[in-house]
Every structure is written in structure tokens, then in C-alpha cells.
Amino acid sequence: MATEVGFIGLGIMGQPMALNLIKAGYKLTVYNRTASKAEPLKTAGATVASTPAEAVKNAEFVVSIVSDTNAMEEVVTGKGGALETLRPGAVWIDSSTISPVFSVKLSRLMGEKGAKLLDAPVTGSKHGAEKGELLFMIGGEDDALKKAKPLIDVMGKKFIHLGGNGKGLSCKVSMNAILATQLLIFCEAILLAKKAGVDPQQFLDVMQSSFARSHLVDFKAPFIFKGDFTPFFPLGLMHKDLSLALENAYANNVPMPTTAAVKEVFGAGKAQGKGDLDIGAVITVLEDLTGEKVRVSNPSS
């Protein structure tokens, strides 16, 4: 008999992750606040639940990937929330990027129900989710991870167990501070080069042939050059993740002045109404300030 999985959150990442589990033979009951996003899963054979509690009531495993800490709190502890029906012995794989401190609190609440939580945020963007090639950063107990490994192997190509609850999320928000900084400094530098008369494609060729090379820039530069900001990772979510990194820095007494400055630029993009665009749209914040655009007619990948 197929293993039953409750899946909560069917956005850019969640939908392909859930589809991969269905393809692998798992029986899914899914929930999403915007019900229309569940239609592709219903077509693929999933049962659509009207509440998180309904989604998890028969589940041996639960997978969630929601937008932020408030959404996760509502899903778990709100009216019709998952704690109402969560089964003893269930393992919850939370791939949301939320507050590490709050995630540890959730692990305790689930423990009181006899269930176990893995904080398991991912990196790899939309295409990684579609191909089942995500990297999972995992915090939680060894036995819970051992039980959940078959599902994680379907959705990802690799996982790293970083320790107890909260450690996966602490790693993720630190990682995203690096990614956001890499992207922003690339945008600043290529805009400066363009303003000074250097061809953007040639600048990129030089950069990617040097120690400054970035895999993130390899992927993002062609989209920036085309002005294509279709979201793989929305700018607004990166702003949220930078805020979480600074919250974690405060809790651990670590100064992060660069991250604080980067967060403000992403915050400016969100304030300009660009929160639903891809993180590459952060360059438009700088372009608006300088009156210069970085576009290339036929960018090489």
C-alpha cells in the first residue's frame, strides 16, 4: 500500500516537489491557501484537502514549504491547523525558510504529539525542484531523518545533516546572505562597467574567467541581460530571508553589517512593487537610480 504523505504549500517550489513524490508512487493529500494551485496535483492523482488538519490526518509523513514564519504558524497551530490531527510517529519535513527559533518551538509542539520535525530548507531554485535535484540542509534527530530519507531522495540530489532542530534553517539563512550579496555586488559592478563604457558581455566573460566567478551569476546573468525577471526565487522572499539572517545574527550576537546593507536594497525593490519578480530584478533598483540599463541583445549563456 502506498505511503500516505500530507503536502502543504504548492508554490513555485512546492508544486514540482509534490509532483515528483506522486511520480515516485506516494499517495498525497495536499493543501494550499490558494486552492487553484492544487489543480495540477489533483490532475496528477492527489487528494485536495480544505484545511491543513485534513491534509495530515492520515499522513505518515508531512512535507511543507510555505512562504514565511507567520504562514507556518497558521498552518500548524491556527484554526484547522495540522496539530489538531497530526499522528503520533509522523515525521514532518519542513522545507520552508522560516525563523530558526520558531522552528525549534514547533519541534517541541510536535514532540508533544509524538511526532518529529525536520527543518529541511532547500536550495536549487525552481529548476532544481522540477528535476528532483534540490540540496536539503537538515536539522533534527537521526531517526527521523532515517525514516524520511526515501522522500528526500526523491525530491533532492543531496542532503547534509547539520545537527539538531534549527541547524538546517540557520545554515539556510546564512547561505542566502551570501547569495544575495553575490548577486547585488555583481549588479553594482556590471552597472558601473556599463556606465564607464565597458561592454556587459565582455565584463561577464572577464569576471567568469577569474577568481570572481560565481555559479549564481552563471545562471542569473542571461536573464538579467534579457530583462527577464520571471520568478525562480522571488525578490520579496529573499528580503524575508535576509531579515531572518539578521534576526539569527541578533540572537547569536554576530554583527552582519554587509547583510544589513544588502537587505535594504532588496527592501527598496520590494517597496517599489518588485517583490514577486525574480531576485535578479534587484538590478532594476540600481538602474532606476542611475538611469542606465544593463541589457544585451543576444546574451551568451
Protein backbone atom coordinates (compact mmCIF):
# COMPACT_ATOMS: atom_id res chain seq x y z
CA MET A 1 0.00 0.00 0.00
CA ALA A 2 1.31 3.44 -0.93
CA THR A 3 2.76 5.58 1.85
CA GLU A 4 0.49 8.50 2.70
CA VAL A 5 2.00 11.98 2.63
CA GLY A 6 0.42 15.30 3.55
CA PHE A 7 1.86 18.12 1.47
CA ILE A 8 1.32 21.76 2.42
CA GLY A 9 2.37 24.66 0.18
CA LEU A 10 2.13 24.43 -3.62
CA GLY A 11 4.02 27.48 -4.80
CA ILE A 12 6.98 27.77 -7.15
CA MET A 13 8.94 25.09 -5.28
CA GLY A 14 6.23 23.06 -3.59
CA GLN A 15 4.25 22.14 -6.67
CA PRO A 16 7.10 20.37 -8.52
CA MET A 17 8.31 18.74 -5.30
CA ALA A 18 4.84 17.30 -4.71
CA LEU A 19 4.55 16.13 -8.32
CA ASN A 20 7.84 14.26 -8.00
CA LEU A 21 6.54 12.43 -4.94
CA ILE A 22 3.39 11.40 -6.83
CA LYS A 23 5.51 10.14 -9.73
CA ALA A 24 7.51 8.08 -7.22
CA GLY A 25 4.35 6.33 -6.04
CA TYR A 26 3.47 8.21 -2.85
CA LYS A 27 -0.17 8.90 -2.04
CA LEU A 28 -0.56 12.64 -1.47
CA THR A 29 -3.18 14.75 0.22
CA VAL A 30 -2.35 18.38 -0.49
CA TYR A 31 -3.31 21.75 0.91
CA ASN A 32 -2.66 25.28 -0.32
CA ARG A 33 -4.19 28.56 0.83
CA THR A 34 -4.87 29.46 -2.81
CA ALA A 35 -6.88 26.42 -3.84
CA SER A 36 -6.35 26.86 -7.59
CA LYS A 37 -2.66 26.00 -7.19
CA ALA A 38 -3.70 22.47 -6.18
CA GLU A 39 -5.32 21.72 -9.55
CA PRO A 40 -2.19 20.26 -11.22
CA LEU A 41 -1.77 17.96 -8.22
CA LYS A 42 -5.40 16.89 -8.36
CA THR A 43 -4.96 16.09 -12.04
CA ALA A 44 -1.90 14.03 -11.16
CA GLY A 45 -3.87 11.98 -8.64
CA ALA A 46 -3.57 13.82 -5.32
CA THR A 47 -6.45 14.39 -2.93
CA VAL A 48 -7.07 18.07 -2.20
CA ALA A 49 -7.76 18.99 1.44
CA SER A 50 -9.66 22.03 2.64
CA THR A 51 -7.55 22.51 5.80
CA PRO A 52 -4.04 21.59 6.97
CA ALA A 53 -5.65 19.31 9.57
CA GLU A 54 -7.38 17.36 6.82
CA ALA A 55 -4.16 17.16 4.81
CA VAL A 56 -2.16 15.50 7.58
CA LYS A 57 -4.68 13.37 9.46
CA ASN A 58 -3.72 10.08 7.75
CA ALA A 59 -0.15 11.00 6.87
CA GLU A 60 2.91 9.05 7.91
CA PHE A 61 4.95 11.94 6.53
CA VAL A 62 4.20 15.62 6.07
CA VAL A 63 6.11 17.94 3.73
CA SER A 64 5.63 21.71 3.91
CA ILE A 65 7.10 24.63 2.05
CA VAL A 66 5.27 27.86 2.83
CA SER A 67 6.22 31.49 2.44
CA ASP A 68 7.21 32.66 5.91
CA THR A 69 7.09 32.14 9.68
CA ASN A 70 3.56 33.54 10.04
CA ALA A 71 2.24 31.20 7.36
CA MET A 72 3.88 28.22 9.04
CA GLU A 73 2.44 29.19 12.42
CA GLU A 74 -1.04 29.42 10.90
CA VAL A 75 -0.66 26.06 9.13
CA VAL A 76 0.42 24.26 12.29
CA THR A 77 -1.36 25.98 15.19
CA GLY A 78 -4.19 28.02 13.61
CA LYS A 79 -7.83 27.06 13.30
CA GLY A 80 -7.97 23.84 11.31
CA GLY A 81 -4.21 23.58 11.80
CA ALA A 82 -2.17 20.43 11.48
CA LEU A 83 -1.59 19.95 15.22
CA GLU A 84 -5.27 19.08 15.56
CA THR A 85 -4.82 15.79 13.69
CA LEU A 86 -1.07 15.12 13.44
CA ARG A 87 -0.45 11.42 14.08
CA PRO A 88 1.97 10.06 16.68
CA GLY A 89 5.01 8.70 14.87
CA ALA A 90 4.64 11.07 11.90
CA VAL A 91 7.73 12.78 10.53
CA TRP A 92 7.30 16.35 9.30
CA ILE A 93 9.79 17.62 6.69
CA ASP A 94 9.56 21.41 6.66
CA SER A 95 11.32 22.93 3.66
CA SER A 96 10.08 26.46 4.37
CA THR A 97 12.63 29.15 5.16
CA ILE A 98 11.38 30.44 8.50
CA SER A 99 12.78 31.62 11.81
CA PRO A 100 15.16 29.01 13.29
CA VAL A 101 13.98 29.99 16.78
CA PHE A 102 10.34 29.43 15.85
CA SER A 103 11.16 26.12 14.15
CA VAL A 104 12.70 24.81 17.37
CA LYS A 105 9.47 25.79 19.15
CA LEU A 106 7.47 23.86 16.54
CA SER A 107 9.65 20.79 17.05
CA ARG A 108 8.70 20.83 20.73
CA LEU A 109 4.99 21.23 19.96
CA MET A 110 5.10 18.33 17.52
CA GLY A 111 7.07 16.27 20.01
CA GLU A 112 4.21 16.64 22.45
CA LYS A 113 2.02 14.94 19.85
CA GLY A 114 4.53 12.12 19.40
CA ALA A 115 5.65 13.41 16.00
CA LYS A 116 9.08 14.64 14.90
CA LEU A 117 10.08 17.68 12.86
CA LEU A 118 12.98 18.05 10.48
CA ASP A 119 13.79 21.60 9.46
CA ALA A 120 14.86 20.90 5.89
CA PRO A 121 15.14 24.09 3.81
CA VAL A 122 16.35 23.68 0.25
CA THR A 123 18.45 25.37 -2.36
CA GLY A 124 18.35 24.78 -6.09
CA SER A 125 15.58 27.10 -7.28
CA LYS A 126 12.60 26.15 -9.43
CA HIS A 127 14.51 24.08 -11.98
CA GLY A 128 16.13 22.03 -9.21
CA ALA A 129 12.71 21.33 -7.71
CA GLU A 130 11.38 20.24 -11.10
CA LYS A 131 14.30 17.88 -11.71
CA GLY A 132 14.39 16.49 -8.16
CA GLU A 133 17.89 17.89 -7.71
CA LEU A 134 17.49 20.09 -4.63
CA LEU A 135 20.05 20.30 -1.84
CA PHE A 136 18.47 19.84 1.60
CA MET A 137 20.00 21.42 4.72
CA ILE A 138 18.62 19.38 7.60
CA GLY A 139 18.25 19.89 11.32
CA GLY A 140 16.63 17.27 13.53
CA GLU A 141 17.01 13.83 15.03
CA ASP A 142 18.86 10.98 13.30
CA ASP A 143 15.98 8.51 13.49
CA ALA A 144 13.53 10.97 11.92
CA LEU A 145 15.97 11.65 9.08
CA LYS A 146 16.48 7.92 8.51
CA LYS A 147 12.71 7.46 8.12
CA ALA A 148 12.35 10.48 5.84
CA LYS A 149 15.36 9.74 3.62
CA PRO A 150 13.40 7.94 0.84
CA LEU A 151 11.20 11.02 0.34
CA ILE A 152 14.16 13.39 0.48
CA ASP A 153 15.97 11.28 -2.12
CA VAL A 154 13.01 11.70 -4.50
CA MET A 155 12.96 15.48 -4.14
CA GLY A 156 16.70 16.14 -3.97
CA LYS A 157 20.11 15.02 -5.14
CA LYS A 158 21.86 15.60 -1.81
CA PHE A 159 21.24 16.36 1.84
CA ILE A 160 23.54 17.46 4.63
CA HIS A 161 22.56 16.73 8.24
CA LEU A 162 23.78 19.71 10.25
CA GLY A 163 22.69 18.71 13.74
CA GLY A 164 19.63 19.25 15.90
CA ASN A 165 16.47 21.21 15.23
CA GLY A 166 17.06 24.72 13.90
CA LYS A 167 20.50 23.97 12.46
CA GLY A 168 19.23 23.46 8.90
CA LEU A 169 17.49 26.83 8.94
CA SER A 170 20.48 28.57 10.50
CA CYS A 171 22.56 27.25 7.61
CA LYS A 172 19.98 28.29 5.01
CA VAL A 173 19.62 31.91 6.10
CA SER A 174 23.40 32.24 6.30
CA MET A 175 23.70 30.77 2.79
CA ASN A 176 21.13 33.17 1.40
CA ALA A 177 23.02 36.11 2.87
CA ILE A 178 25.94 35.03 0.67
CA LEU A 179 23.79 34.55 -2.43
CA ALA A 180 22.06 37.92 -2.09
CA THR A 181 25.39 39.67 -1.57
CA GLN A 182 26.96 37.93 -4.57
CA LEU A 183 24.07 38.94 -6.77
CA LEU A 184 23.97 42.54 -5.61
CA ILE A 185 27.70 43.15 -5.95
CA PHE A 186 27.56 41.68 -9.46
CA CYS A 187 24.72 44.06 -10.32
CA GLU A 188 26.62 47.05 -8.90
CA ALA A 189 29.85 46.12 -10.68
CA ILE A 190 28.39 45.40 -14.11
CA LEU A 191 26.30 48.56 -13.96
CA LEU A 192 29.46 50.54 -13.16
CA ALA A 193 31.30 48.87 -16.02
CA LYS A 194 28.46 49.64 -18.43
CA LYS A 195 28.27 53.27 -17.27
CA ALA A 196 32.04 53.56 -17.85
CA GLY A 197 31.71 52.22 -21.39
CA VAL A 198 32.61 48.54 -20.94
CA ASP A 199 30.51 46.03 -22.86
CA PRO A 200 28.47 43.99 -20.32
CA GLN A 201 29.03 40.67 -22.10
CA GLN A 202 32.78 41.26 -22.16
CA PHE A 203 32.73 42.23 -18.49
CA LEU A 204 30.90 38.99 -17.71
CA ASP A 205 33.41 36.98 -19.76
CA VAL A 206 36.29 38.51 -17.80
CA MET A 207 34.59 38.00 -14.45
CA GLN A 208 33.69 34.38 -15.12
CA SER A 209 37.27 33.67 -16.25
CA SER A 210 38.65 34.98 -12.96
CA PHE A 211 38.60 34.13 -9.24
CA ALA A 212 35.44 36.26 -9.03
CA ARG A 213 33.47 33.60 -10.93
CA SER A 214 30.07 32.80 -9.45
CA HIS A 215 27.77 29.89 -10.30
CA LEU A 216 24.86 32.12 -9.32
CA VAL A 217 25.94 34.72 -11.87
CA ASP A 218 26.35 31.95 -14.49
CA PHE A 219 22.64 31.26 -14.07
CA LYS A 220 21.27 34.76 -13.48
CA ALA A 221 23.25 36.92 -15.90
CA PRO A 222 21.48 35.79 -19.12
CA PHE A 223 18.09 36.59 -17.55
CA ILE A 224 19.31 39.99 -16.34
CA PHE A 225 20.73 40.77 -19.78
CA LYS A 226 17.33 39.99 -21.35
CA GLY A 227 15.38 41.84 -18.67
CA ASP A 228 13.52 38.60 -17.92
CA PHE A 229 12.58 38.56 -14.25
CA THR A 230 10.17 35.62 -14.31
CA PRO A 231 10.46 34.36 -10.72
CA PHE A 232 12.62 31.38 -9.91
CA PHE A 233 13.20 32.83 -6.45
CA PRO A 234 11.10 35.95 -5.74
CA LEU A 235 12.84 39.12 -4.59
CA GLY A 236 10.38 39.52 -1.72
CA LEU A 237 11.28 36.10 -0.32
CA MET A 238 14.99 36.93 -0.43
CA HIS A 239 14.25 40.12 1.51
CA LYS A 240 12.45 37.96 4.08
CA ASP A 241 15.39 35.55 4.27
CA LEU A 242 17.85 38.39 4.81
CA SER A 243 15.64 39.62 7.64
CA LEU A 244 15.75 36.12 9.15
CA ALA A 245 19.54 36.07 8.86
CA LEU A 246 19.74 39.33 10.78
CA GLU A 247 17.28 38.05 13.39
CA ASN A 248 19.50 34.99 13.84
CA ALA A 249 22.57 37.20 13.98
CA TYR A 250 20.99 39.24 16.76
CA ALA A 251 20.13 36.06 18.69
CA ASN A 252 23.71 34.83 18.37
CA ASN A 253 25.46 38.19 18.89
CA VAL A 254 27.06 38.23 15.43
CA PRO A 255 27.48 41.54 13.57
CA MET A 256 26.45 41.37 9.90
CA PRO A 257 26.87 44.90 8.50
CA THR A 258 27.13 43.79 4.87
CA THR A 259 23.97 41.70 5.11
CA ALA A 260 22.15 44.64 6.69
CA ALA A 261 23.08 46.89 3.76
CA VAL A 262 22.13 44.26 1.17
CA LYS A 263 18.77 43.74 2.87
CA GLU A 264 17.95 47.44 2.45
CA VAL A 265 18.47 47.30 -1.32
CA PHE A 266 16.21 44.25 -1.60
CA GLY A 267 13.78 46.09 0.66
CA ALA A 268 13.81 49.02 -1.75
CA GLY A 269 12.92 46.65 -4.59
CA LYS A 270 10.05 45.24 -2.58
CA ALA A 271 8.83 48.76 -1.76
CA GLN A 272 8.85 49.53 -5.49
CA GLY A 273 6.41 46.66 -6.08
CA LYS A 274 9.01 44.19 -7.37
CA GLY A 275 8.62 41.60 -4.62
CA ASP A 276 7.03 38.99 -6.90
CA LEU A 277 9.76 39.31 -9.56
CA ASP A 278 12.90 37.20 -9.54
CA ILE A 279 15.80 38.23 -7.32
CA GLY A 280 17.61 39.31 -10.49
CA ALA A 281 15.24 42.28 -10.57
CA VAL A 282 17.35 43.82 -7.81
CA ILE A 283 19.45 45.31 -10.62
CA THR A 284 16.47 47.48 -11.61
CA VAL A 285 16.68 49.27 -8.25
CA LEU A 286 20.17 50.44 -9.22
CA GLU A 287 19.16 51.10 -12.82
CA ASP A 288 16.36 53.35 -11.64
CA LEU A 289 18.86 55.35 -9.59
CA THR A 290 21.45 55.72 -12.36
CA GLY A 291 19.29 55.93 -15.48
CA GLU A 292 21.47 53.21 -17.04
CA LYS A 293 20.24 49.74 -18.06
CA VAL A 294 22.31 46.60 -18.44
CA ARG A 295 20.83 44.71 -21.40
CA VAL A 296 22.44 42.55 -24.06
CA SER A 297 20.70 41.69 -27.35
CA ASN A 298 21.91 38.09 -27.66
CA PRO A 299 23.46 37.08 -24.33
CA SER A 300 25.67 34.00 -24.32
CA SER A 301 24.93 31.56 -21.51
